[in-house]
């Protein structure tokens, strides 16, 4: 079964807005990768985000293109400094494909934990608005594809 890890799009500086919403560039980046993911026929039952504004906005843009039946929802365990083992457990328990939208360093650590078995060993680079498709077969995880605004 395929799962998707996403880093939010580019956000405004905290000096401009302390909530750090997506910038215009960030919105465009996410739109671009959302269209590319839809063209690859990515299917998810739900899109979960950290609850931080820029991740929520990213999730909503993705949902507009992917149409998850269960919509967009906040999920704990996706904040920048959260333990990636929490999100890994959620993925392992998921009955259908889902997408997780979060931040660095968490997304990088989660990908490392899934693909390499070690959260401290990088598996992929997460530029803003990057989507990583990973597949799980029994207890083994592998990278299937990677989309980003510069290489979608």
C-alpha atoms as a PDB file:
ATOM      1  CA  UNK A   1       0.000   0.000   0.000  1.00  0.00           C
ATOM      2  CA  UNK A   2       1.259   3.475  -0.874  1.00  0.00           C
ATOM      3  CA  UNK A   3       1.569   6.337   1.616  1.00  0.00           C
ATOM      4  CA  UNK A   4       2.606   9.921   1.052  1.00  0.00           C
ATOM      5  CA  UNK A   5       4.844  12.216   3.097  1.00  0.00           C
ATOM      6  CA  UNK A   6       4.709  15.930   2.282  1.00  0.00           C
ATOM      7  CA  UNK A   7       6.629  18.959   3.445  1.00  0.00           C
ATOM      8  CA  UNK A   8       4.544  22.142   3.388  1.00  0.00           C
ATOM      9  CA  UNK A   9       5.163  24.752   0.709  1.00  0.00           C
ATOM     10  CA  UNK A  10       7.243  27.888   1.111  1.00  0.00           C
ATOM     11  CA  UNK A  11       5.963  30.113   3.932  1.00  0.00           C
ATOM     12  CA  UNK A  12       6.246  33.817   4.662  1.00  0.00           C
ATOM     13  CA  UNK A  13       8.873  34.951   7.163  1.00  0.00           C
ATOM     14  CA  UNK A  14       7.783  35.126  10.778  1.00  0.00           C
ATOM     15  CA  UNK A  15       8.709  38.824  10.799  1.00  0.00           C
ATOM     16  CA  UNK A  16       5.919  39.409   8.233  1.00  0.00           C
ATOM     17  CA  UNK A  17       3.362  37.116   9.912  1.00  0.00           C
ATOM     18  CA  UNK A  18       4.094  35.058  13.026  1.00  0.00           C
ATOM     19  CA  UNK A  19       1.627  32.377  11.898  1.00  0.00           C
ATOM     20  CA  UNK A  20       3.760  31.850   8.759  1.00  0.00           C
ATOM     21  CA  UNK A  21       1.079  31.061   6.160  1.00  0.00           C
ATOM     22  CA  UNK A  22       2.085  29.869   2.710  1.00  0.00           C
ATOM     23  CA  UNK A  23       3.640  32.543   0.545  1.00  0.00           C
ATOM     24  CA  UNK A  24       2.369  33.130  -2.985  1.00  0.00           C
ATOM     25  CA  UNK A  25       5.342  31.025  -4.174  1.00  0.00           C
ATOM     26  CA  UNK A  26       4.409  28.312  -1.670  1.00  0.00           C
ATOM     27  CA  UNK A  27       0.835  28.205  -2.918  1.00  0.00           C
ATOM     28  CA  UNK A  28       2.074  27.898  -6.505  1.00  0.00           C
ATOM     29  CA  UNK A  29       4.547  25.157  -5.528  1.00  0.00           C
ATOM     30  CA  UNK A  30       1.867  23.106  -3.804  1.00  0.00           C
ATOM     31  CA  UNK A  31      -0.567  23.578  -6.702  1.00  0.00           C
ATOM     32  CA  UNK A  32       2.113  22.318  -9.086  1.00  0.00           C
ATOM     33  CA  UNK A  33       2.945  19.168  -7.113  1.00  0.00           C
ATOM     34  CA  UNK A  34      -0.747  18.530  -6.368  1.00  0.00           C
ATOM     35  CA  UNK A  35      -1.497  18.498 -10.097  1.00  0.00           C
ATOM     36  CA  UNK A  36       1.491  16.206 -10.701  1.00  0.00           C
ATOM     37  CA  UNK A  37       0.382  13.819  -7.922  1.00  0.00           C
ATOM     38  CA  UNK A  38      -3.132  13.709  -9.375  1.00  0.00           C
ATOM     39  CA  UNK A  39      -1.652  12.974 -12.816  1.00  0.00           C
ATOM     40  CA  UNK A  40       0.209  10.043 -11.216  1.00  0.00           C
ATOM     41  CA  UNK A  41      -3.175   8.905  -9.906  1.00  0.00           C
ATOM     42  CA  UNK A  42      -2.175   9.232  -6.248  1.00  0.00           C
ATOM     43  CA  UNK A  43      -5.149   8.141  -4.175  1.00  0.00           C
ATOM     44  CA  UNK A  44      -5.582   8.772  -0.460  1.00  0.00           C
ATOM     45  CA  UNK A  45      -8.453   8.219   1.931  1.00  0.00           C
ATOM     46  CA  UNK A  46      -7.446  11.195   4.099  1.00  0.00           C
ATOM     47  CA  UNK A  47      -4.853  13.949   4.326  1.00  0.00           C
ATOM     48  CA  UNK A  48      -3.505  14.633   7.808  1.00  0.00           C
ATOM     49  CA  UNK A  49      -1.590  17.758   8.815  1.00  0.00           C
ATOM     50  CA  UNK A  50       0.235  19.028  11.895  1.00  0.00           C
ATOM     51  CA  UNK A  51      -2.241  21.760  12.755  1.00  0.00           C
ATOM     52  CA  UNK A  52       0.291  24.475  11.913  1.00  0.00           C
ATOM     53  CA  UNK A  53      -1.200  26.933   9.395  1.00  0.00           C
ATOM     54  CA  UNK A  54       1.239  26.367   6.501  1.00  0.00           C
ATOM     55  CA  UNK A  55       0.787  22.575   6.741  1.00  0.00           C
ATOM     56  CA  UNK A  56      -2.993  22.942   6.917  1.00  0.00           C
ATOM     57  CA  UNK A  57      -3.009  25.200   3.843  1.00  0.00           C
ATOM     58  CA  UNK A  58      -0.792  22.714   1.986  1.00  0.00           C
ATOM     59  CA  UNK A  59      -3.147  19.862   2.915  1.00  0.00           C
ATOM     60  CA  UNK A  60      -6.181  21.802   1.714  1.00  0.00           C
ATOM     61  CA  UNK A  61      -4.604  22.529  -1.683  1.00  0.00           C
ATOM     62  CA  UNK A  62      -3.647  18.871  -2.063  1.00  0.00           C
ATOM     63  CA  UNK A  63      -7.165  17.782  -1.095  1.00  0.00           C
ATOM     64  CA  UNK A  64      -8.680  20.007  -3.784  1.00  0.00           C
ATOM     65  CA  UNK A  65      -6.767  17.962  -6.385  1.00  0.00           C
ATOM     66  CA  UNK A  66      -6.830  14.491  -4.802  1.00  0.00           C
ATOM     67  CA  UNK A  67     -10.344  14.467  -3.294  1.00  0.00           C
ATOM     68  CA  UNK A  68      -9.788  12.268  -0.218  1.00  0.00           C
ATOM     69  CA  UNK A  69     -13.068  10.698   0.985  1.00  0.00           C
ATOM     70  CA  UNK A  70     -12.295  11.522   4.634  1.00  0.00           C
ATOM     71  CA  UNK A  71     -11.036  15.017   3.822  1.00  0.00           C
ATOM     72  CA  UNK A  72      -8.370  16.983   5.649  1.00  0.00           C
ATOM     73  CA  UNK A  73      -7.769  16.404   9.341  1.00  0.00           C
ATOM     74  CA  UNK A  74      -5.359  17.526  12.053  1.00  0.00           C
ATOM     75  CA  UNK A  75      -3.209  14.766  13.550  1.00  0.00           C
ATOM     76  CA  UNK A  76      -0.870  14.918  16.511  1.00  0.00           C
ATOM     77  CA  UNK A  77       2.662  13.605  16.031  1.00  0.00           C
ATOM     78  CA  UNK A  78       3.491  15.703  12.936  1.00  0.00           C
ATOM     79  CA  UNK A  79       5.070  18.778  14.556  1.00  0.00           C
ATOM     80  CA  UNK A  80       8.666  19.638  13.663  1.00  0.00           C
ATOM     81  CA  UNK A  81      10.253  18.075  16.772  1.00  0.00           C
ATOM     82  CA  UNK A  82       7.825  15.145  17.298  1.00  0.00           C
ATOM     83  CA  UNK A  83       9.084  11.582  17.534  1.00  0.00           C
ATOM     84  CA  UNK A  84       8.746  10.011  14.049  1.00  0.00           C
ATOM     85  CA  UNK A  85       7.847   6.668  15.665  1.00  0.00           C
ATOM     86  CA  UNK A  86       4.404   8.151  16.449  1.00  0.00           C
ATOM     87  CA  UNK A  87       3.621   8.827  12.775  1.00  0.00           C
ATOM     88  CA  UNK A  88       5.139   5.477  11.768  1.00  0.00           C
ATOM     89  CA  UNK A  89       2.720   3.694  14.103  1.00  0.00           C
ATOM     90  CA  UNK A  90      -0.191   5.635  12.585  1.00  0.00           C
ATOM     91  CA  UNK A  91       0.861   4.634   9.072  1.00  0.00           C
ATOM     92  CA  UNK A  92       1.257   0.989  10.063  1.00  0.00           C
ATOM     93  CA  UNK A  93      -2.269   0.995  11.504  1.00  0.00           C
ATOM     94  CA  UNK A  94      -3.866   2.793   8.537  1.00  0.00           C
ATOM     95  CA  UNK A  95      -6.393   0.626   6.678  1.00  0.00           C
ATOM     96  CA  UNK A  96      -6.047   2.684   3.471  1.00  0.00           C
ATOM     97  CA  UNK A  97      -3.499   5.023   1.868  1.00  0.00           C
ATOM     98  CA  UNK A  98      -3.098   8.378   3.614  1.00  0.00           C
ATOM     99  CA  UNK A  99      -1.021  11.503   3.167  1.00  0.00           C
ATOM    100  CA  UNK A 100       0.849  13.206   6.022  1.00  0.00           C
ATOM    101  CA  UNK A 101       1.720  16.903   5.706  1.00  0.00           C
ATOM    102  CA  UNK A 102       4.338  18.286   8.062  1.00  0.00           C
ATOM    103  CA  UNK A 103       7.666  20.005   8.547  1.00  0.00           C
ATOM    104  CA  UNK A 104      11.397  19.581   8.828  1.00  0.00           C
ATOM    105  CA  UNK A 105      13.095  17.985  10.583  1.00  0.00           C
ATOM    106  CA  UNK A 106      10.179  15.621  11.288  1.00  0.00           C
ATOM    107  CA  UNK A 107       9.395  14.586   7.693  1.00  0.00           C
ATOM    108  CA  UNK A 108      13.052  13.833   6.970  1.00  0.00           C
ATOM    109  CA  UNK A 109      13.373  11.828  10.174  1.00  0.00           C
ATOM    110  CA  UNK A 110      10.154   9.909   9.421  1.00  0.00           C
ATOM    111  CA  UNK A 111      11.341   9.042   5.901  1.00  0.00           C
ATOM    112  CA  UNK A 112      14.687   7.902   7.335  1.00  0.00           C
ATOM    113  CA  UNK A 113      12.950   5.739   9.930  1.00  0.00           C
ATOM    114  CA  UNK A 114      10.667   4.107   7.358  1.00  0.00           C
ATOM    115  CA  UNK A 115      13.119   3.613   4.498  1.00  0.00           C
ATOM    116  CA  UNK A 116      16.394   3.089   6.385  1.00  0.00           C
ATOM    117  CA  UNK A 117      15.124   1.930   9.751  1.00  0.00           C
ATOM    118  CA  UNK A 118      16.975   4.868  11.322  1.00  0.00           C
ATOM    119  CA  UNK A 119      15.488   8.339  11.856  1.00  0.00           C
ATOM    120  CA  UNK A 120      18.978   9.844  11.942  1.00  0.00           C
ATOM    121  CA  UNK A 121      19.944   8.485   8.506  1.00  0.00           C
ATOM    122  CA  UNK A 122      18.613  10.634   5.665  1.00  0.00           C
ATOM    123  CA  UNK A 123      16.575   8.897   2.996  1.00  0.00           C
ATOM    124  CA  UNK A 124      15.354  11.825   0.879  1.00  0.00           C
ATOM    125  CA  UNK A 125      15.691  15.589   0.679  1.00  0.00           C
ATOM    126  CA  UNK A 126      12.561  17.535   1.555  1.00  0.00           C
ATOM    127  CA  UNK A 127      12.588  20.895  -0.197  1.00  0.00           C
ATOM    128  CA  UNK A 128       9.389  22.919   0.332  1.00  0.00           C
ATOM    129  CA  UNK A 129       6.355  21.307  -1.361  1.00  0.00           C
ATOM    130  CA  UNK A 130       7.979  17.906  -1.799  1.00  0.00           C
ATOM    131  CA  UNK A 131       5.813  14.777  -1.928  1.00  0.00           C
ATOM    132  CA  UNK A 132       7.391  11.390  -1.262  1.00  0.00           C
ATOM    133  CA  UNK A 133       5.468   8.240  -2.124  1.00  0.00           C
ATOM    134  CA  UNK A 134       6.500   5.243  -0.046  1.00  0.00           C
ATOM    135  CA  UNK A 135       5.104   1.742  -0.242  1.00  0.00           C
ATOM    136  CA  UNK A 136       4.730  -0.790   2.534  1.00  0.00           C
ATOM    137  CA  UNK A 137       4.844  -4.525   1.890  1.00  0.00           C
ATOM    138  CA  UNK A 138       4.490  -6.379   5.210  1.00  0.00           C
ATOM    139  CA  UNK A 139       7.160  -4.712   7.381  1.00  0.00           C
ATOM    140  CA  UNK A 140       9.334  -3.353   4.539  1.00  0.00           C
ATOM    141  CA  UNK A 141       9.096   0.243   3.301  1.00  0.00           C
ATOM    142  CA  UNK A 142      10.514   1.514   0.030  1.00  0.00           C
ATOM    143  CA  UNK A 143      10.653   4.770  -1.873  1.00  0.00           C
ATOM    144  CA  UNK A 144       8.398   4.670  -4.950  1.00  0.00           C
ATOM    145  CA  UNK A 145       8.621   8.220  -6.290  1.00  0.00           C
ATOM    146  CA  UNK A 146       9.393  11.793  -5.341  1.00  0.00           C
ATOM    147  CA  UNK A 147       7.753  15.006  -6.590  1.00  0.00           C
ATOM    148  CA  UNK A 148       8.844  18.559  -5.989  1.00  0.00           C
ATOM    149  CA  UNK A 149       8.240  21.886  -7.680  1.00  0.00           C
ATOM    150  CA  UNK A 150      11.607  21.665  -9.436  1.00  0.00           C
ATOM    151  CA  UNK A 151      11.303  18.061 -10.601  1.00  0.00           C
ATOM    152  CA  UNK A 152       7.617  17.175 -10.848  1.00  0.00           C
END
